[in-house]
Amino acid sequence: MTTNIETEETKRQESNAALVATLKKKALSEVESSWELDVINDTERGRWIAALGAEAIGELTYRFVGGRVVLLSTWVNHAYRNHRVATELVARVLDEIRESGKKITIICPVVGEFIDRNPEYLDLIDKVHPGPGAYPHKPAVGQDDDEQFTTFERDMT
């Protein structure tokens, strides 16, 4: 079986876009999980897996680079989207990384969006190598504080 890298990348980008759209559309309190998820670190394959019983319903892939954890991409099975699976997976992964004392580099836009909405995790981002997925909502140059706050409020609704 051959793998078409471009096709896989397109699928990954579409999946990330769908997850980010879900995060933007609903406040975290509006989307509650009705399950007890297990989050398992599969170090052999470089991924954290969200499991419901024996079924893997989501994953967050990663690599170690220069002592940092590079968070690559998040995937959630379509049948389990909009049930806070990605949110719980990302939060538990970030908590585990915090306990290890490591910093993160963010490639995955889902993780960047999550941290944007949960600033208590900002300290985990490596200042030298934040990654292209970090800080998704950069204020426009020249905006004053009131305009930035209005933009922030609009993004949160």
C-alpha atoms as a PDB file:
ATOM      1  CA  MET A   1       0.000   0.000   0.000  1.00  0.00           C
ATOM      2  CA  THR A   2       1.462   3.379  -0.997  1.00  0.00           C
ATOM      3  CA  THR A   3       0.830   6.616   0.819  1.00  0.00           C
ATOM      4  CA  ASN A   4       0.331   9.823  -1.099  1.00  0.00           C
ATOM      5  CA  ILE A   5       1.929  12.467   1.112  1.00  0.00           C
ATOM      6  CA  GLU A   6       0.035  15.341  -0.525  1.00  0.00           C
ATOM      7  CA  THR A   7      -3.311  13.580  -0.037  1.00  0.00           C
ATOM      8  CA  GLU A   8      -2.502  12.851   3.612  1.00  0.00           C
ATOM      9  CA  GLU A   9      -1.453  16.488   4.166  1.00  0.00           C
ATOM     10  CA  THR A  10      -4.684  17.747   2.565  1.00  0.00           C
ATOM     11  CA  LYS A  11      -6.765  15.455   4.778  1.00  0.00           C
ATOM     12  CA  ARG A  12      -4.849  16.610   7.871  1.00  0.00           C
ATOM     13  CA  GLN A  13      -5.371  20.282   6.965  1.00  0.00           C
ATOM     14  CA  GLU A  14      -9.103  19.741   6.389  1.00  0.00           C
ATOM     15  CA  SER A  15      -9.413  17.926   9.707  1.00  0.00           C
ATOM     16  CA  ASN A  16      -7.553  20.709  11.536  1.00  0.00           C
ATOM     17  CA  ALA A  17      -9.726  23.364   9.882  1.00  0.00           C
ATOM     18  CA  ALA A  18     -12.900  21.540  10.955  1.00  0.00           C
ATOM     19  CA  LEU A  19     -11.691  21.213  14.548  1.00  0.00           C
ATOM     20  CA  VAL A  20     -10.649  24.876  14.725  1.00  0.00           C
ATOM     21  CA  ALA A  21     -14.041  25.920  13.320  1.00  0.00           C
ATOM     22  CA  THR A  22     -15.764  23.887  16.037  1.00  0.00           C
ATOM     23  CA  LEU A  23     -13.655  25.522  18.741  1.00  0.00           C
ATOM     24  CA  LYS A  24     -14.454  29.000  17.366  1.00  0.00           C
ATOM     25  CA  LYS A  25     -18.161  28.312  16.986  1.00  0.00           C
ATOM     26  CA  LYS A  26     -18.921  27.191  20.535  1.00  0.00           C
ATOM     27  CA  ALA A  27     -17.799  28.219  23.972  1.00  0.00           C
ATOM     28  CA  LEU A  28     -16.133  25.384  25.867  1.00  0.00           C
ATOM     29  CA  SER A  29     -18.961  25.319  28.409  1.00  0.00           C
ATOM     30  CA  GLU A  30     -21.474  24.702  25.595  1.00  0.00           C
ATOM     31  CA  VAL A  31     -19.742  21.528  24.433  1.00  0.00           C
ATOM     32  CA  GLU A  32     -19.567  18.940  27.159  1.00  0.00           C
ATOM     33  CA  SER A  33     -18.207  15.437  26.858  1.00  0.00           C
ATOM     34  CA  SER A  34     -20.572  12.703  27.941  1.00  0.00           C
ATOM     35  CA  TRP A  35     -17.792  10.106  28.275  1.00  0.00           C
ATOM     36  CA  GLU A  36     -14.801   9.271  30.416  1.00  0.00           C
ATOM     37  CA  LEU A  37     -11.861   9.375  28.043  1.00  0.00           C
ATOM     38  CA  ASP A  38      -8.530   7.694  28.583  1.00  0.00           C
ATOM     39  CA  VAL A  39      -5.530   9.578  27.224  1.00  0.00           C
ATOM     40  CA  ILE A  40      -2.635   7.247  26.477  1.00  0.00           C
ATOM     41  CA  ASN A  41       0.869   8.287  25.464  1.00  0.00           C
ATOM     42  CA  ASP A  42       1.972   5.981  22.636  1.00  0.00           C
ATOM     43  CA  THR A  43       5.666   6.929  22.758  1.00  0.00           C
ATOM     44  CA  GLU A  44       6.580   4.328  20.148  1.00  0.00           C
ATOM     45  CA  ARG A  45       4.487   6.103  17.484  1.00  0.00           C
ATOM     46  CA  GLY A  46       4.774   9.647  18.879  1.00  0.00           C
ATOM     47  CA  ARG A  47       1.130  10.278  19.665  1.00  0.00           C
ATOM     48  CA  TRP A  48      -1.280  10.722  22.521  1.00  0.00           C
ATOM     49  CA  ILE A  49      -4.456   8.745  21.941  1.00  0.00           C
ATOM     50  CA  ALA A  50      -7.934   9.624  23.223  1.00  0.00           C
ATOM     51  CA  ALA A  51      -9.600   6.280  23.821  1.00  0.00           C
ATOM     52  CA  LEU A  52     -13.146   5.387  24.685  1.00  0.00           C
ATOM     53  CA  GLY A  53     -12.835   1.869  26.008  1.00  0.00           C
ATOM     54  CA  ALA A  54     -10.743  -0.024  23.454  1.00  0.00           C
ATOM     55  CA  GLU A  55     -11.576   2.399  20.619  1.00  0.00           C
ATOM     56  CA  ALA A  56      -9.151   5.168  19.647  1.00  0.00           C
ATOM     57  CA  ILE A  57     -11.350   8.167  18.860  1.00  0.00           C
ATOM     58  CA  GLY A  58      -8.708  10.884  18.611  1.00  0.00           C
ATOM     59  CA  GLU A  59      -5.010  11.556  18.652  1.00  0.00           C
ATOM     60  CA  LEU A  60      -2.437  14.296  18.962  1.00  0.00           C
ATOM     61  CA  THR A  61       0.851  13.510  17.212  1.00  0.00           C
ATOM     62  CA  TYR A  62       4.184  14.844  18.421  1.00  0.00           C
ATOM     63  CA  ARG A  63       7.960  14.641  18.081  1.00  0.00           C
ATOM     64  CA  PHE A  64      10.770  15.563  20.448  1.00  0.00           C
ATOM     65  CA  VAL A  65      13.119  18.175  18.974  1.00  0.00           C
ATOM     66  CA  GLY A  66      15.908  19.806  20.959  1.00  0.00           C
ATOM     67  CA  GLY A  67      14.317  19.017  24.319  1.00  0.00           C
ATOM     68  CA  ARG A  68      10.945  20.448  23.253  1.00  0.00           C
ATOM     69  CA  VAL A  69       7.720  18.658  22.418  1.00  0.00           C
ATOM     70  CA  VAL A  70       6.607  19.616  18.908  1.00  0.00           C
ATOM     71  CA  LEU A  71       2.817  19.204  18.683  1.00  0.00           C
ATOM     72  CA  LEU A  72       2.087  18.295  15.074  1.00  0.00           C
ATOM     73  CA  SER A  73      -1.569  17.554  14.461  1.00  0.00           C
ATOM     74  CA  THR A  74      -4.845  16.670  16.146  1.00  0.00           C
ATOM     75  CA  TRP A  75      -7.404  14.259  14.766  1.00  0.00           C
ATOM     76  CA  VAL A  76     -10.825  13.274  16.124  1.00  0.00           C
ATOM     77  CA  ASN A  77     -13.086  10.625  14.574  1.00  0.00           C
ATOM     78  CA  HIS A  78     -16.009  12.387  12.840  1.00  0.00           C
ATOM     79  CA  ALA A  79     -18.561  10.493  14.942  1.00  0.00           C
ATOM     80  CA  TYR A  80     -17.098  12.013  18.136  1.00  0.00           C
ATOM     81  CA  ARG A  81     -16.629  15.618  17.066  1.00  0.00           C
ATOM     82  CA  ASN A  82     -18.532  18.353  18.902  1.00  0.00           C
ATOM     83  CA  HIS A  83     -18.298  16.375  22.140  1.00  0.00           C
ATOM     84  CA  ARG A  84     -15.199  18.093  23.561  1.00  0.00           C
ATOM     85  CA  VAL A  85     -12.863  15.225  22.672  1.00  0.00           C
ATOM     86  CA  ALA A  86     -10.177  17.485  21.135  1.00  0.00           C
ATOM     87  CA  THR A  87     -10.471  19.944  24.018  1.00  0.00           C
ATOM     88  CA  GLU A  88     -10.038  17.264  26.663  1.00  0.00           C
ATOM     89  CA  LEU A  89      -7.242  15.554  24.737  1.00  0.00           C
ATOM     90  CA  VAL A  90      -5.256  18.776  24.282  1.00  0.00           C
ATOM     91  CA  ALA A  91      -5.773  19.873  27.909  1.00  0.00           C
ATOM     92  CA  ARG A  92      -4.615  16.540  29.301  1.00  0.00           C
ATOM     93  CA  VAL A  93      -1.605  16.416  26.971  1.00  0.00           C
ATOM     94  CA  LEU A  94      -0.581  19.952  27.974  1.00  0.00           C
ATOM     95  CA  ASP A  95      -0.976  19.059  31.663  1.00  0.00           C
ATOM     96  CA  GLU A  96       1.284  16.037  31.156  1.00  0.00           C
ATOM     97  CA  ILE A  97       3.867  18.149  29.328  1.00  0.00           C
ATOM     98  CA  ARG A  98       3.765  20.737  32.125  1.00  0.00           C
ATOM     99  CA  GLU A  99       4.504  18.000  34.680  1.00  0.00           C
ATOM    100  CA  SER A 100       7.537  16.923  32.619  1.00  0.00           C
ATOM    101  CA  GLY A 101       8.943  20.472  32.671  1.00  0.00           C
ATOM    102  CA  LYS A 102       9.290  20.614  28.873  1.00  0.00           C
ATOM    103  CA  LYS A 103       8.310  23.453  26.542  1.00  0.00           C
ATOM    104  CA  ILE A 104       6.242  23.088  23.375  1.00  0.00           C
ATOM    105  CA  THR A 105       6.463  24.136  19.765  1.00  0.00           C
ATOM    106  CA  ILE A 106       3.054  24.292  18.094  1.00  0.00           C
ATOM    107  CA  ILE A 107       2.544  23.197  14.507  1.00  0.00           C
ATOM    108  CA  CYS A 108      -1.078  22.098  15.027  1.00  0.00           C
ATOM    109  CA  PRO A 109      -3.544  25.011  14.748  1.00  0.00           C
ATOM    110  CA  VAL A 110      -6.013  23.188  17.023  1.00  0.00           C
ATOM    111  CA  VAL A 111      -3.516  23.350  19.888  1.00  0.00           C
ATOM    112  CA  GLY A 112      -2.816  27.023  19.141  1.00  0.00           C
ATOM    113  CA  GLU A 113      -6.526  27.831  19.191  1.00  0.00           C
ATOM    114  CA  PHE A 114      -6.960  25.897  22.449  1.00  0.00           C
ATOM    115  CA  ILE A 115      -4.145  27.840  24.150  1.00  0.00           C
ATOM    116  CA  ASP A 116      -5.510  31.115  22.773  1.00  0.00           C
ATOM    117  CA  ARG A 117      -8.767  30.332  24.617  1.00  0.00           C
ATOM    118  CA  ASN A 118      -6.987  28.939  27.702  1.00  0.00           C
ATOM    119  CA  PRO A 119      -4.113  31.347  28.418  1.00  0.00           C
ATOM    120  CA  GLU A 120      -3.054  29.454  31.543  1.00  0.00           C
ATOM    121  CA  TYR A 121      -1.064  27.260  29.123  1.00  0.00           C
ATOM    122  CA  LEU A 122       0.845  30.142  27.460  1.00  0.00           C
ATOM    123  CA  ASP A 123       3.873  29.532  29.668  1.00  0.00           C
ATOM    124  CA  LEU A 124       4.429  26.158  27.967  1.00  0.00           C
ATOM    125  CA  ILE A 125       5.182  27.729  24.568  1.00  0.00           C
ATOM    126  CA  ASP A 126       8.896  27.849  23.787  1.00  0.00           C
ATOM    127  CA  LYS A 127       9.783  31.527  23.353  1.00  0.00           C
ATOM    128  CA  VAL A 128      12.550  30.862  20.812  1.00  0.00           C
ATOM    129  CA  HIS A 129      10.651  28.243  18.764  1.00  0.00           C
ATOM    130  CA  PRO A 130       6.900  28.837  19.282  1.00  0.00           C
ATOM    131  CA  GLY A 131       5.917  27.284  15.936  1.00  0.00           C
ATOM    132  CA  PRO A 132       3.529  28.476  13.228  1.00  0.00           C
ATOM    133  CA  GLY A 133       0.442  27.219  15.111  1.00  0.00           C
ATOM    134  CA  ALA A 134       1.142  29.341  18.188  1.00  0.00           C
ATOM    135  CA  TYR A 135      -0.580  32.670  18.812  1.00  0.00           C
ATOM    136  CA  PRO A 136      -3.360  32.344  16.206  1.00  0.00           C
ATOM    137  CA  HIS A 137      -4.945  35.743  16.931  1.00  0.00           C
ATOM    138  CA  LYS A 138      -2.233  38.347  16.586  1.00  0.00           C
ATOM    139  CA  PRO A 139      -3.574  41.895  16.968  1.00  0.00           C
ATOM    140  CA  ALA A 140      -3.309  44.089  13.908  1.00  0.00           C
ATOM    141  CA  VAL A 141      -0.517  46.642  13.985  1.00  0.00           C
ATOM    142  CA  GLY A 142      -1.789  50.020  15.156  1.00  0.00           C
ATOM    143  CA  GLN A 143      -4.835  48.756  17.064  1.00  0.00           C
ATOM    144  CA  ASP A 144      -5.359  50.428  20.412  1.00  0.00           C
ATOM    145  CA  ASP A 145      -6.341  48.470  23.544  1.00  0.00           C
ATOM    146  CA  ASP A 146     -10.090  49.073  23.077  1.00  0.00           C
ATOM    147  CA  GLU A 147      -9.998  47.763  19.499  1.00  0.00           C
ATOM    148  CA  GLN A 148      -7.991  44.712  20.609  1.00  0.00           C
ATOM    149  CA  PHE A 149     -10.493  43.991  23.394  1.00  0.00           C
ATOM    150  CA  THR A 150     -13.437  44.351  20.989  1.00  0.00           C
ATOM    151  CA  THR A 151     -11.728  41.977  18.537  1.00  0.00           C
ATOM    152  CA  PHE A 152     -11.086  39.517  21.373  1.00  0.00           C
ATOM    153  CA  GLU A 153     -14.723  39.646  22.527  1.00  0.00           C
ATOM    154  CA  ARG A 154     -15.957  39.126  18.952  1.00  0.00           C
ATOM    155  CA  ASP A 155     -13.645  36.102  18.556  1.00  0.00           C
ATOM    156  CA  MET A 156     -14.941  34.563  21.788  1.00  0.00           C
ATOM    157  CA  THR A 157     -18.589  34.617  20.681  1.00  0.00           C
END
